[in-house]
Amino acid sequence: MPWVPLALTVAAYLAGSLALHHRLLPQLTTATAGWTSSDSYQFVWWIRWLPWSVVHGHDPLFTSYLHAPFGVNGMWNTPVPVLAALFAPVTLTAGPIAAYNVAVVLGPVVSGLALAVALRVWVERWWPRALAGLLYGFSPFVIAHTSVGHLNLLWAVLPPVLLWVVHALLVAPDPRPWWIGALAGVAFAVQTGIYT
C-alpha cells in the first residue's frame, strides 16, 4: 500500500473533521460535541466508567451508579467499551470529555479511511477510493449524528469491513475462508463493543 497517499488522505480527512468541529476545539475538555441532545453526556459517562470500573474491580458492562439501586446493563445501553478502552489514555490524562471529543473528531476519519482501504479490492487507483471514503466518512448521516452526539454511529467501520469480506468470500475467494470468517467474527465483536 502506498504510504504517501494514505498519509495525505488521513491528513485531509483529519483537516475536514477539525474544520467540522472547529467550535469545539478551544473547549475540548469542557464542552461536548452534540449540541442538540444530551446523548453526548451519556457517552462521556460510559467512557469514564470503563477505566474506573476496571481499576476498582467493577463489572464494566453493569453499573448500579446509574438508575440506583437497580442499576443499568451496559449491553442494553450504549457503553462503547471498545472506544472507551481505545481512548482510555486520553480519559486518564485529559478527562472523559476530552476523550469523547477526540473520538468524535476521529470517527469520520477512521470510517472514511476504512472504506478507502476496503475498496482497494474493487478500485485500483487511490484517489477515487479516497474520494469515496471522504463521501462516506462525512456523509449527511455522519454529520447529522455529530450534531446530536451519537459517538457510536460516527464510528461506522463495519460496513467497509463487510464489503471487503464479501469480496474475499464471493468475488475472489481466498483459499483460506476460515481466515476471512475469523476476521469477520472479530469485526462483529468489535462492532458490538462500539454499538450494541
N, C-alpha and C. Protein backbone atom coordinates (compact mmCIF):
# COMPACT_ATOMS: atom_id res chain seq x y z
N MET A 1 0.85 -1.18 0.00
CA MET A 1 0.00 0.00 0.00
C MET A 1 0.89 1.24 0.00
N PRO A 2 0.63 2.18 -0.88
CA PRO A 2 1.44 3.41 -0.92
C PRO A 2 1.17 4.27 0.32
N TRP A 3 2.23 4.54 1.08
CA TRP A 3 2.07 5.26 2.34
C TRP A 3 1.85 6.75 2.16
N VAL A 4 2.41 7.35 1.13
CA VAL A 4 2.24 8.79 0.94
C VAL A 4 0.78 9.14 0.66
N PRO A 5 0.10 8.47 -0.30
CA PRO A 5 -1.32 8.79 -0.50
C PRO A 5 -2.16 8.49 0.74
N LEU A 6 -1.82 7.44 1.46
CA LEU A 6 -2.54 7.10 2.68
C LEU A 6 -2.39 8.21 3.72
N ALA A 7 -1.17 8.68 3.90
CA ALA A 7 -0.92 9.76 4.87
C ALA A 7 -1.61 11.05 4.45
N LEU A 8 -1.58 11.35 3.16
CA LEU A 8 -2.26 12.56 2.68
C LEU A 8 -3.77 12.45 2.87
N THR A 9 -4.31 11.26 2.65
CA THR A 9 -5.75 11.05 2.84
C THR A 9 -6.13 11.22 4.30
N VAL A 10 -5.36 10.62 5.19
CA VAL A 10 -5.63 10.78 6.62
C VAL A 10 -5.55 12.25 7.01
N ALA A 11 -4.54 12.95 6.51
CA ALA A 11 -4.40 14.38 6.83
C ALA A 11 -5.58 15.19 6.30
N ALA A 12 -6.04 14.87 5.10
CA ALA A 12 -7.19 15.58 4.53
C ALA A 12 -8.46 15.30 5.33
N TYR A 13 -8.69 14.04 5.67
CA TYR A 13 -9.87 13.70 6.47
C TYR A 13 -9.81 14.36 7.84
N LEU A 14 -8.62 14.35 8.45
CA LEU A 14 -8.48 14.96 9.77
C LEU A 14 -8.71 16.47 9.69
N ALA A 15 -8.19 17.10 8.64
CA ALA A 15 -8.43 18.55 8.46
C ALA A 15 -9.92 18.82 8.30
N GLY A 16 -10.60 17.97 7.53
CA GLY A 16 -12.05 18.12 7.37
C GLY A 16 -12.80 17.96 8.67
N SER A 17 -12.41 16.97 9.47
CA SER A 17 -13.08 16.75 10.75
C SER A 17 -12.79 17.89 11.73
N LEU A 18 -11.57 18.37 11.73
CA LEU A 18 -11.24 19.51 12.61
C LEU A 18 -12.01 20.76 12.18
N ALA A 19 -12.16 20.96 10.87
CA ALA A 19 -12.95 22.09 10.39
C ALA A 19 -14.41 21.93 10.79
N LEU A 20 -14.92 20.72 10.69
CA LEU A 20 -16.30 20.45 11.08
C LEU A 20 -16.54 20.74 12.56
N HIS A 21 -15.54 20.46 13.38
CA HIS A 21 -15.67 20.64 14.83
C HIS A 21 -14.88 21.85 15.34
N HIS A 22 -14.68 22.85 14.50
CA HIS A 22 -13.82 23.98 14.87
C HIS A 22 -14.29 24.72 16.11
N ARG A 23 -15.61 24.78 16.35
CA ARG A 23 -16.11 25.49 17.53
C ARG A 23 -15.83 24.72 18.82
N LEU A 24 -15.61 23.44 18.69
CA LEU A 24 -15.38 22.60 19.85
C LEU A 24 -13.92 22.64 20.32
N LEU A 25 -13.00 22.85 19.40
CA LEU A 25 -11.58 22.71 19.71
C LEU A 25 -11.08 23.60 20.85
N PRO A 26 -11.50 24.86 20.97
CA PRO A 26 -11.00 25.67 22.08
C PRO A 26 -11.49 25.19 23.45
N GLN A 27 -12.56 24.42 23.48
CA GLN A 27 -13.11 23.94 24.75
C GLN A 27 -13.18 22.41 24.77
N LEU A 28 -12.11 21.80 24.32
CA LEU A 28 -12.05 20.35 24.16
C LEU A 28 -12.29 19.58 25.45
N THR A 29 -11.93 20.16 26.58
CA THR A 29 -12.08 19.45 27.86
C THR A 29 -13.29 19.91 28.67
N THR A 30 -14.05 20.87 28.15
CA THR A 30 -15.16 21.41 28.95
C THR A 30 -16.53 21.35 28.27
N ALA A 31 -16.57 21.19 26.96
CA ALA A 31 -17.85 21.13 26.23
C ALA A 31 -17.83 19.90 25.34
N THR A 32 -19.02 19.40 25.02
CA THR A 32 -19.09 18.20 24.19
C THR A 32 -19.67 18.51 22.82
N ALA A 33 -19.24 17.74 21.84
CA ALA A 33 -19.89 17.76 20.54
C ALA A 33 -21.28 17.18 20.73
N GLY A 34 -22.21 17.60 19.95
CA GLY A 34 -23.58 17.12 20.11
C GLY A 34 -24.40 18.14 20.85
N TRP A 35 -24.75 19.19 20.16
CA TRP A 35 -25.38 20.33 20.82
C TRP A 35 -26.91 20.28 20.77
N THR A 36 -27.50 19.27 20.15
CA THR A 36 -28.96 19.25 20.06
C THR A 36 -29.61 18.19 20.94
N SER A 37 -28.82 17.46 21.72
CA SER A 37 -29.39 16.49 22.65
C SER A 37 -28.42 16.30 23.80
N SER A 38 -28.86 15.55 24.79
CA SER A 38 -27.99 15.26 25.93
C SER A 38 -27.31 13.90 25.80
N ASP A 39 -27.41 13.27 24.64
CA ASP A 39 -26.82 11.94 24.46
C ASP A 39 -25.31 11.95 24.66
N SER A 40 -24.66 13.05 24.33
CA SER A 40 -23.21 13.10 24.48
C SER A 40 -22.80 12.90 25.94
N TYR A 41 -23.60 13.37 26.89
CA TYR A 41 -23.25 13.21 28.30
C TYR A 41 -23.27 11.75 28.71
N GLN A 42 -24.18 10.99 28.13
CA GLN A 42 -24.22 9.56 28.42
C GLN A 42 -22.96 8.87 27.91
N PHE A 43 -22.52 9.23 26.71
CA PHE A 43 -21.30 8.65 26.18
C PHE A 43 -20.09 9.04 27.04
N VAL A 44 -20.04 10.28 27.48
CA VAL A 44 -18.95 10.73 28.35
C VAL A 44 -18.93 9.89 29.63
N TRP A 45 -20.11 9.64 30.19
CA TRP A 45 -20.19 8.85 31.41
C TRP A 45 -19.64 7.44 31.18
N TRP A 46 -20.07 6.80 30.11
CA TRP A 46 -19.62 5.43 29.84
C TRP A 46 -18.12 5.39 29.50
N ILE A 47 -17.62 6.41 28.84
CA ILE A 47 -16.18 6.46 28.54
C ILE A 47 -15.38 6.54 29.84
N ARG A 48 -15.88 7.28 30.80
CA ARG A 48 -15.21 7.37 32.11
C ARG A 48 -15.41 6.10 32.92
N TRP A 49 -16.57 5.46 32.77
CA TRP A 49 -16.88 4.29 33.58
C TRP A 49 -15.93 3.12 33.32
N LEU A 50 -15.59 2.86 32.08
CA LEU A 50 -14.77 1.68 31.77
C LEU A 50 -13.43 1.71 32.51
N PRO A 51 -12.61 2.75 32.38
CA PRO A 51 -11.33 2.72 33.12
C PRO A 51 -11.54 2.69 34.63
N TRP A 52 -12.52 3.44 35.11
CA TRP A 52 -12.77 3.48 36.55
C TRP A 52 -13.20 2.10 37.05
N SER A 53 -14.10 1.45 36.33
CA SER A 53 -14.61 0.15 36.77
C SER A 53 -13.51 -0.91 36.76
N VAL A 54 -12.63 -0.87 35.77
CA VAL A 54 -11.54 -1.84 35.70
C VAL A 54 -10.58 -1.63 36.87
N VAL A 55 -10.22 -0.39 37.13
CA VAL A 55 -9.29 -0.09 38.23
C VAL A 55 -9.89 -0.48 39.58
N HIS A 56 -11.20 -0.29 39.74
CA HIS A 56 -11.85 -0.55 41.03
C HIS A 56 -12.50 -1.92 41.12
N GLY A 57 -12.29 -2.77 40.13
CA GLY A 57 -12.79 -4.13 40.20
C GLY A 57 -14.29 -4.29 40.00
N HIS A 58 -14.91 -3.37 39.27
CA HIS A 58 -16.34 -3.47 38.99
C HIS A 58 -16.57 -4.03 37.59
N ASP A 59 -17.76 -4.50 37.35
CA ASP A 59 -18.15 -5.00 36.03
C ASP A 59 -18.25 -3.81 35.08
N PRO A 60 -17.49 -3.79 33.98
CA PRO A 60 -17.55 -2.64 33.07
C PRO A 60 -18.84 -2.57 32.26
N LEU A 61 -19.62 -3.65 32.24
CA LEU A 61 -20.87 -3.65 31.46
C LEU A 61 -22.12 -3.62 32.32
N PHE A 62 -21.97 -3.42 33.64
CA PHE A 62 -23.12 -3.25 34.52
C PHE A 62 -22.72 -2.26 35.60
N THR A 63 -23.65 -1.37 35.91
CA THR A 63 -23.38 -0.40 36.97
C THR A 63 -24.65 -0.12 37.76
N SER A 64 -24.48 0.02 39.05
CA SER A 64 -25.59 0.48 39.88
C SER A 64 -25.41 1.97 40.21
N TYR A 65 -24.40 2.58 39.63
CA TYR A 65 -24.20 4.02 39.80
C TYR A 65 -25.19 4.82 38.95
N LEU A 66 -25.79 4.18 37.98
CA LEU A 66 -26.90 4.75 37.22
C LEU A 66 -28.15 3.97 37.61
N HIS A 67 -29.28 4.65 37.64
CA HIS A 67 -30.56 4.03 37.96
C HIS A 67 -30.48 3.21 39.25
N ALA A 68 -29.87 3.82 40.28
CA ALA A 68 -29.73 3.14 41.57
C ALA A 68 -31.11 2.93 42.19
N PRO A 69 -31.32 1.90 42.90
CA PRO A 69 -30.41 0.83 43.27
C PRO A 69 -30.41 -0.35 42.27
N PHE A 70 -31.24 -0.26 41.24
CA PHE A 70 -31.40 -1.39 40.33
C PHE A 70 -30.22 -1.55 39.37
N GLY A 71 -29.67 -0.45 38.90
CA GLY A 71 -28.53 -0.49 38.01
C GLY A 71 -28.92 -0.50 36.55
N VAL A 72 -27.90 -0.51 35.72
CA VAL A 72 -28.07 -0.45 34.27
C VAL A 72 -27.16 -1.50 33.63
N ASN A 73 -27.72 -2.30 32.75
CA ASN A 73 -26.95 -3.26 31.98
C ASN A 73 -26.40 -2.52 30.76
N GLY A 74 -25.10 -2.48 30.65
CA GLY A 74 -24.47 -1.76 29.55
C GLY A 74 -24.82 -2.31 28.19
N MET A 75 -25.10 -3.58 28.09
CA MET A 75 -25.42 -4.17 26.80
C MET A 75 -26.83 -3.78 26.35
N TRP A 76 -27.62 -3.20 27.22
CA TRP A 76 -28.92 -2.65 26.83
C TRP A 76 -28.81 -1.16 26.57
N ASN A 77 -27.62 -0.65 26.63
CA ASN A 77 -27.37 0.77 26.52
C ASN A 77 -26.29 0.98 25.47
N THR A 78 -25.61 2.09 25.52
CA THR A 78 -24.53 2.36 24.57
C THR A 78 -23.24 2.68 25.32
N PRO A 79 -22.61 1.67 25.92
CA PRO A 79 -21.42 1.94 26.71
C PRO A 79 -20.14 2.12 25.91
N VAL A 80 -20.13 1.80 24.64
CA VAL A 80 -18.97 1.89 23.73
C VAL A 80 -17.66 1.43 24.38
N PRO A 81 -17.61 0.19 24.90
CA PRO A 81 -16.40 -0.24 25.60
C PRO A 81 -15.16 -0.27 24.72
N VAL A 82 -15.31 -0.55 23.44
CA VAL A 82 -14.14 -0.57 22.55
C VAL A 82 -13.55 0.84 22.47
N LEU A 83 -14.40 1.83 22.27
CA LEU A 83 -13.91 3.21 22.19
C LEU A 83 -13.41 3.69 23.54
N ALA A 84 -14.09 3.28 24.62
CA ALA A 84 -13.63 3.67 25.96
C ALA A 84 -12.25 3.11 26.24
N ALA A 85 -11.99 1.87 25.81
CA ALA A 85 -10.66 1.28 26.00
C ALA A 85 -9.63 1.96 25.10
N LEU A 86 -10.01 2.22 23.85
CA LEU A 86 -9.11 2.84 22.90
C LEU A 86 -8.68 4.23 23.36
N PHE A 87 -9.62 4.97 23.93
CA PHE A 87 -9.33 6.35 24.34
C PHE A 87 -9.09 6.49 25.84
N ALA A 88 -8.87 5.36 26.53
CA ALA A 88 -8.59 5.41 27.97
C ALA A 88 -7.37 6.28 28.31
N PRO A 89 -6.29 6.25 27.51
CA PRO A 89 -5.18 7.15 27.84
C PRO A 89 -5.59 8.63 27.85
N VAL A 90 -6.46 9.01 26.92
CA VAL A 90 -6.94 10.40 26.90
C VAL A 90 -7.83 10.64 28.11
N THR A 91 -8.69 9.68 28.43
CA THR A 91 -9.58 9.81 29.59
C THR A 91 -8.77 10.00 30.86
N LEU A 92 -7.73 9.19 31.03
CA LEU A 92 -6.96 9.23 32.27
C LEU A 92 -6.05 10.44 32.36
N THR A 93 -5.72 11.07 31.25
CA THR A 93 -4.84 12.24 31.29
C THR A 93 -5.58 13.56 31.15
N ALA A 94 -6.54 13.62 30.23
CA ALA A 94 -7.24 14.89 29.97
C ALA A 94 -8.71 14.87 30.38
N GLY A 95 -9.22 13.70 30.75
CA GLY A 95 -10.59 13.60 31.21
C GLY A 95 -11.52 12.99 30.16
N PRO A 96 -12.70 12.55 30.60
CA PRO A 96 -13.63 11.87 29.70
C PRO A 96 -14.25 12.76 28.64
N ILE A 97 -14.40 14.04 28.92
CA ILE A 97 -14.96 14.95 27.91
C ILE A 97 -13.98 15.08 26.75
N ALA A 98 -12.70 15.23 27.07
CA ALA A 98 -11.69 15.31 26.01
C ALA A 98 -11.64 14.02 25.23
N ALA A 99 -11.72 12.87 25.91
CA ALA A 99 -11.70 11.58 25.22
C ALA A 99 -12.89 11.45 24.28
N TYR A 100 -14.04 11.85 24.74
CA TYR A 100 -15.24 11.81 23.91
C TYR A 100 -15.06 12.69 22.67
N ASN A 101 -14.59 13.90 22.88
CA ASN A 101 -14.42 14.84 21.77
C ASN A 101 -13.37 14.37 20.77
N VAL A 102 -12.28 13.81 21.25
CA VAL A 102 -11.26 13.27 20.35
C VAL A 102 -11.85 12.12 19.54
N ALA A 103 -12.64 11.27 20.20
CA ALA A 103 -13.29 10.16 19.49
C ALA A 103 -14.28 10.67 18.45
N VAL A 104 -14.98 11.74 18.75
CA VAL A 104 -15.92 12.34 17.78
C VAL A 104 -15.15 12.88 16.58
N VAL A 105 -14.05 13.54 16.82
CA VAL A 105 -13.24 14.09 15.72
C VAL A 105 -12.67 12.97 14.87
N LEU A 106 -12.23 11.89 15.49
CA LEU A 106 -11.58 10.81 14.75
C LEU A 106 -12.56 9.83 14.10
N GLY A 107 -13.81 9.80 14.55
CA GLY A 107 -14.79 8.87 13.99
C GLY A 107 -14.94 8.95 12.48
N PRO A 108 -15.22 10.13 11.92
CA PRO A 108 -15.33 10.23 10.46
C PRO A 108 -14.02 9.91 9.74
N VAL A 109 -12.90 10.22 10.36
CA VAL A 109 -11.60 9.96 9.75
C VAL A 109 -11.38 8.45 9.61
N VAL A 110 -11.61 7.73 10.70
CA VAL A 110 -11.39 6.28 10.70
C VAL A 110 -12.41 5.59 9.80
N SER A 111 -13.66 6.02 9.84
CA SER A 111 -14.70 5.41 8.99
C SER A 111 -14.38 5.62 7.51
N GLY A 112 -14.03 6.84 7.15
CA GLY A 112 -13.68 7.12 5.76
C GLY A 112 -12.46 6.36 5.31
N LEU A 113 -11.46 6.28 6.17
CA LEU A 113 -10.25 5.54 5.84
C LEU A 113 -10.55 4.05 5.69
N ALA A 114 -11.43 3.52 6.53
CA ALA A 114 -11.79 2.10 6.42
C ALA A 114 -12.39 1.80 5.05
N LEU A 115 -13.24 2.70 4.56
CA LEU A 115 -13.82 2.46 3.23
C LEU A 115 -12.76 2.60 2.14
N ALA A 116 -11.92 3.60 2.24
CA ALA A 116 -10.88 3.79 1.22
C ALA A 116 -9.96 2.56 1.13
N VAL A 117 -9.64 1.98 2.26
CA VAL A 117 -8.79 0.79 2.26
C VAL A 117 -9.57 -0.43 1.77
N ALA A 118 -10.81 -0.58 2.22
CA ALA A 118 -11.62 -1.74 1.82
C ALA A 118 -11.90 -1.75 0.32
N LEU A 119 -11.99 -0.59 -0.29
CA LEU A 119 -12.27 -0.52 -1.73
C LEU A 119 -11.07 -0.90 -2.59
N ARG A 120 -9.95 -1.14 -1.97
CA ARG A 120 -8.74 -1.48 -2.72
C ARG A 120 -8.96 -2.70 -3.61
N VAL A 121 -9.75 -3.65 -3.14
CA VAL A 121 -10.00 -4.86 -3.94
C VAL A 121 -10.95 -4.59 -5.10
N TRP A 122 -11.64 -3.46 -5.07
CA TRP A 122 -12.60 -3.12 -6.13
C TRP A 122 -12.07 -2.05 -7.07
N VAL A 123 -11.31 -1.08 -6.51
CA VAL A 123 -10.84 0.09 -7.28
C VAL A 123 -9.33 0.19 -7.10
N GLU A 124 -8.61 0.21 -8.21
CA GLU A 124 -7.16 0.18 -8.14
C GLU A 124 -6.55 1.51 -7.74
N ARG A 125 -7.02 2.60 -8.32
CA ARG A 125 -6.40 3.91 -8.07
C ARG A 125 -6.83 4.47 -6.73
N TRP A 126 -5.87 5.16 -6.09
CA TRP A 126 -6.13 5.64 -4.73
C TRP A 126 -7.12 6.80 -4.68
N TRP A 127 -7.01 7.78 -5.56
CA TRP A 127 -7.83 8.99 -5.40
C TRP A 127 -9.33 8.71 -5.48
N PRO A 128 -9.83 7.80 -6.34
CA PRO A 128 -11.27 7.53 -6.28
C PRO A 128 -11.69 6.88 -4.95
N ARG A 129 -10.80 6.05 -4.42
CA ARG A 129 -11.11 5.43 -3.13
C ARG A 129 -11.09 6.48 -2.01
N ALA A 130 -10.14 7.40 -2.09
CA ALA A 130 -10.07 8.46 -1.09
C ALA A 130 -11.31 9.36 -1.16
N LEU A 131 -11.76 9.63 -2.38
CA LEU A 131 -12.98 10.43 -2.53
C LEU A 131 -14.19 9.68 -1.98
N ALA A 132 -14.28 8.39 -2.27
CA ALA A 132 -15.39 7.59 -1.73
C ALA A 132 -15.34 7.57 -0.20
N GLY A 133 -14.14 7.44 0.35
CA GLY A 133 -14.01 7.47 1.80
C GLY A 133 -14.41 8.81 2.39
N LEU A 134 -14.08 9.88 1.69
CA LEU A 134 -14.49 11.21 2.14
C LEU A 134 -16.00 11.34 2.15
N LEU A 135 -16.63 10.89 1.08
CA LEU A 135 -18.09 10.97 0.99
C LEU A 135 -18.77 10.08 2.03
N TYR A 136 -18.14 8.96 2.35
CA TYR A 136 -18.69 8.05 3.35
C TYR A 136 -18.46 8.59 4.77
N GLY A 137 -17.24 8.97 5.06
CA GLY A 137 -16.90 9.44 6.40
C GLY A 137 -17.55 10.76 6.78
N PHE A 138 -17.90 11.56 5.78
CA PHE A 138 -18.52 12.86 6.03
C PHE A 138 -19.89 12.94 5.37
N SER A 139 -20.58 11.83 5.36
CA SER A 139 -21.91 11.77 4.75
C SER A 139 -22.92 12.55 5.60
N PRO A 140 -24.08 12.87 5.04
CA PRO A 140 -25.11 13.54 5.83
C PRO A 140 -25.49 12.74 7.09
N PHE A 141 -25.45 11.42 7.00
CA PHE A 141 -25.72 10.57 8.17
C PHE A 141 -24.74 10.89 9.29
N VAL A 142 -23.46 10.94 8.96
CA VAL A 142 -22.43 11.19 9.97
C VAL A 142 -22.55 12.61 10.51
N ILE A 143 -22.73 13.56 9.64
CA ILE A 143 -22.85 14.96 10.08
C ILE A 143 -24.06 15.12 11.00
N ALA A 144 -25.18 14.49 10.65
CA ALA A 144 -26.38 14.59 11.49
C ALA A 144 -26.13 13.98 12.87
N HIS A 145 -25.46 12.85 12.92
CA HIS A 145 -25.22 12.22 14.21
C HIS A 145 -24.12 12.91 15.01
N THR A 146 -23.28 13.67 14.35
CA THR A 146 -22.33 14.51 15.07
C THR A 146 -23.08 15.58 15.85
N SER A 147 -24.10 16.16 15.21
CA SER A 147 -24.83 17.25 15.87
C SER A 147 -25.64 16.78 17.07
N VAL A 148 -25.98 15.50 17.13
CA VAL A 148 -26.72 15.00 18.30
C VAL A 148 -25.83 14.21 19.25
N GLY A 149 -24.55 14.10 18.92
CA GLY A 149 -23.61 13.48 19.84
C GLY A 149 -23.61 11.98 19.87
N HIS A 150 -24.03 11.33 18.80
CA HIS A 150 -24.08 9.86 18.76
C HIS A 150 -22.72 9.30 18.35
N LEU A 151 -21.85 9.20 19.30
CA LEU A 151 -20.48 8.73 19.06
C LEU A 151 -20.47 7.36 18.42
N ASN A 152 -21.33 6.48 18.86
CA ASN A 152 -21.34 5.11 18.35
C ASN A 152 -21.64 5.04 16.85
N LEU A 153 -22.39 5.98 16.33
CA LEU A 153 -22.73 5.97 14.91
C LEU A 153 -21.69 6.67 14.04
N LEU A 154 -20.80 7.42 14.65
CA LEU A 154 -19.74 8.08 13.89
C LEU A 154 -18.63 7.10 13.52
N TRP A 155 -18.51 6.04 14.27
CA TRP A 155 -17.50 5.00 14.03
C TRP A 155 -18.14 3.89 13.20
N ALA A 156 -18.38 4.17 11.95
CA ALA A 156 -19.05 3.24 11.04
C ALA A 156 -18.02 2.44 10.26
N VAL A 157 -17.30 1.60 10.96
CA VAL A 157 -16.21 0.83 10.36
C VAL A 157 -16.69 -0.51 9.82
N LEU A 158 -17.74 -1.06 10.38
CA LEU A 158 -18.19 -2.40 9.98
C LEU A 158 -18.63 -2.49 8.52
N PRO A 159 -19.43 -1.57 7.98
CA PRO A 159 -19.82 -1.72 6.57
C PRO A 159 -18.64 -1.84 5.60
N PRO A 160 -17.58 -1.03 5.71
CA PRO A 160 -16.44 -1.25 4.81
C PRO A 160 -15.78 -2.62 5.02
N VAL A 161 -15.69 -3.06 6.25
CA VAL A 161 -15.10 -4.38 6.51
C VAL A 161 -15.95 -5.46 5.85
N LEU A 162 -17.27 -5.34 5.95
CA LEU A 162 -18.15 -6.33 5.33
C LEU A 162 -18.05 -6.29 3.81
N LEU A 163 -17.83 -5.13 3.26
CA LEU A 163 -17.62 -5.03 1.81
C LEU A 163 -16.38 -5.83 1.40
N TRP A 164 -15.33 -5.71 2.18
CA TRP A 164 -14.12 -6.48 1.91
C TRP A 164 -14.37 -7.98 2.10
N VAL A 165 -15.14 -8.35 3.14
CA VAL A 165 -15.44 -9.76 3.39
C VAL A 165 -16.23 -10.35 2.24
N VAL A 166 -17.21 -9.61 1.73
CA VAL A 166 -17.99 -10.10 0.58
C VAL A 166 -17.08 -10.38 -0.60
N HIS A 167 -16.17 -9.48 -0.86
CA HIS A 167 -15.23 -9.70 -1.96
C HIS A 167 -14.37 -10.93 -1.71
N ALA A 168 -13.87 -11.05 -0.49
CA ALA A 168 -12.96 -12.16 -0.18
C ALA A 168 -13.66 -13.51 -0.18
N LEU A 169 -14.96 -13.53 0.08
CA LEU A 169 -15.68 -14.81 0.11
C LEU A 169 -16.36 -15.14 -1.21
N LEU A 170 -16.86 -14.13 -1.93
CA LEU A 170 -17.69 -14.40 -3.09
C LEU A 170 -17.06 -14.02 -4.43
N VAL A 171 -16.38 -12.91 -4.47
CA VAL A 171 -15.85 -12.41 -5.76
C VAL A 171 -14.53 -13.08 -6.09
N ALA A 172 -13.59 -12.99 -5.18
CA ALA A 172 -12.27 -13.60 -5.39
C ALA A 172 -11.98 -14.47 -4.17
N PRO A 173 -12.56 -15.65 -4.13
CA PRO A 173 -12.45 -16.47 -2.92
C PRO A 173 -11.01 -16.72 -2.49
N ASP A 174 -10.79 -16.45 -1.23
CA ASP A 174 -9.49 -16.68 -0.62
C ASP A 174 -9.37 -18.19 -0.36
N PRO A 175 -8.19 -18.77 -0.57
CA PRO A 175 -8.04 -20.20 -0.32
C PRO A 175 -8.17 -20.55 1.17
N ARG A 176 -8.20 -19.53 2.03
CA ARG A 176 -8.34 -19.75 3.47
C ARG A 176 -9.63 -19.08 3.96
N PRO A 177 -10.80 -19.64 3.66
CA PRO A 177 -12.05 -18.98 4.07
C PRO A 177 -12.20 -18.91 5.59
N TRP A 178 -11.58 -19.83 6.31
CA TRP A 178 -11.66 -19.78 7.77
C TRP A 178 -11.01 -18.49 8.30
N TRP A 179 -9.96 -18.03 7.61
CA TRP A 179 -9.28 -16.79 8.00
C TRP A 179 -10.21 -15.59 7.80
N ILE A 180 -10.91 -15.56 6.68
CA ILE A 180 -11.85 -14.47 6.41
C ILE A 180 -13.00 -14.52 7.43
N GLY A 181 -13.48 -15.73 7.72
CA GLY A 181 -14.53 -15.89 8.72
C GLY A 181 -14.10 -15.42 10.10
N ALA A 182 -12.86 -15.74 10.46
CA ALA A 182 -12.34 -15.30 11.76
C ALA A 182 -12.24 -13.77 11.81
N LEU A 183 -11.77 -13.16 10.73
CA LEU A 183 -11.69 -11.69 10.69
C LEU A 183 -13.08 -11.06 10.75
N ALA A 184 -14.03 -11.68 10.06
CA ALA A 184 -15.41 -11.17 10.12
C ALA A 184 -15.96 -11.29 11.54
N GLY A 185 -15.66 -12.39 12.21
CA GLY A 185 -16.09 -12.56 13.61
C GLY A 185 -15.51 -11.50 14.52
N VAL A 186 -14.23 -11.20 14.34
CA VAL A 186 -13.58 -10.16 15.13
C VAL A 186 -14.23 -8.81 14.83
N ALA A 187 -14.52 -8.56 13.55
CA ALA A 187 -15.16 -7.29 13.17
C ALA A 187 -16.52 -7.15 13.84
N PHE A 188 -17.30 -8.22 13.87
CA PHE A 188 -18.61 -8.16 14.53
C PHE A 188 -18.46 -7.98 16.04
N ALA A 189 -17.47 -8.60 16.64
CA ALA A 189 -17.24 -8.42 18.08
C ALA A 189 -16.85 -6.98 18.39
N VAL A 190 -15.98 -6.42 17.57
CA VAL A 190 -15.58 -5.01 17.77
C VAL A 190 -16.79 -4.10 17.57
N GLN A 191 -17.59 -4.39 16.54
CA GLN A 191 -18.78 -3.58 16.29
C GLN A 191 -19.74 -3.64 17.48
N THR A 192 -19.89 -4.82 18.09
CA THR A 192 -20.75 -4.94 19.26
C THR A 192 -20.24 -4.08 20.40
N GLY A 193 -18.91 -3.94 20.50
CA GLY A 193 -18.33 -3.09 21.51
C GLY A 193 -18.38 -1.61 21.18
N ILE A 194 -18.74 -1.28 19.96
CA ILE A 194 -18.92 0.12 19.57
C ILE A 194 -20.40 0.49 19.63
N TYR A 195 -21.22 -0.39 19.09
CA TYR A 195 -22.65 -0.11 19.05
C TYR A 195 -23.42 -1.40 19.19
N THR A 196 -23.94 -1.63 20.38
CA THR A 196 -24.69 -2.85 20.64
C THR A 196 -26.04 -2.81 19.99
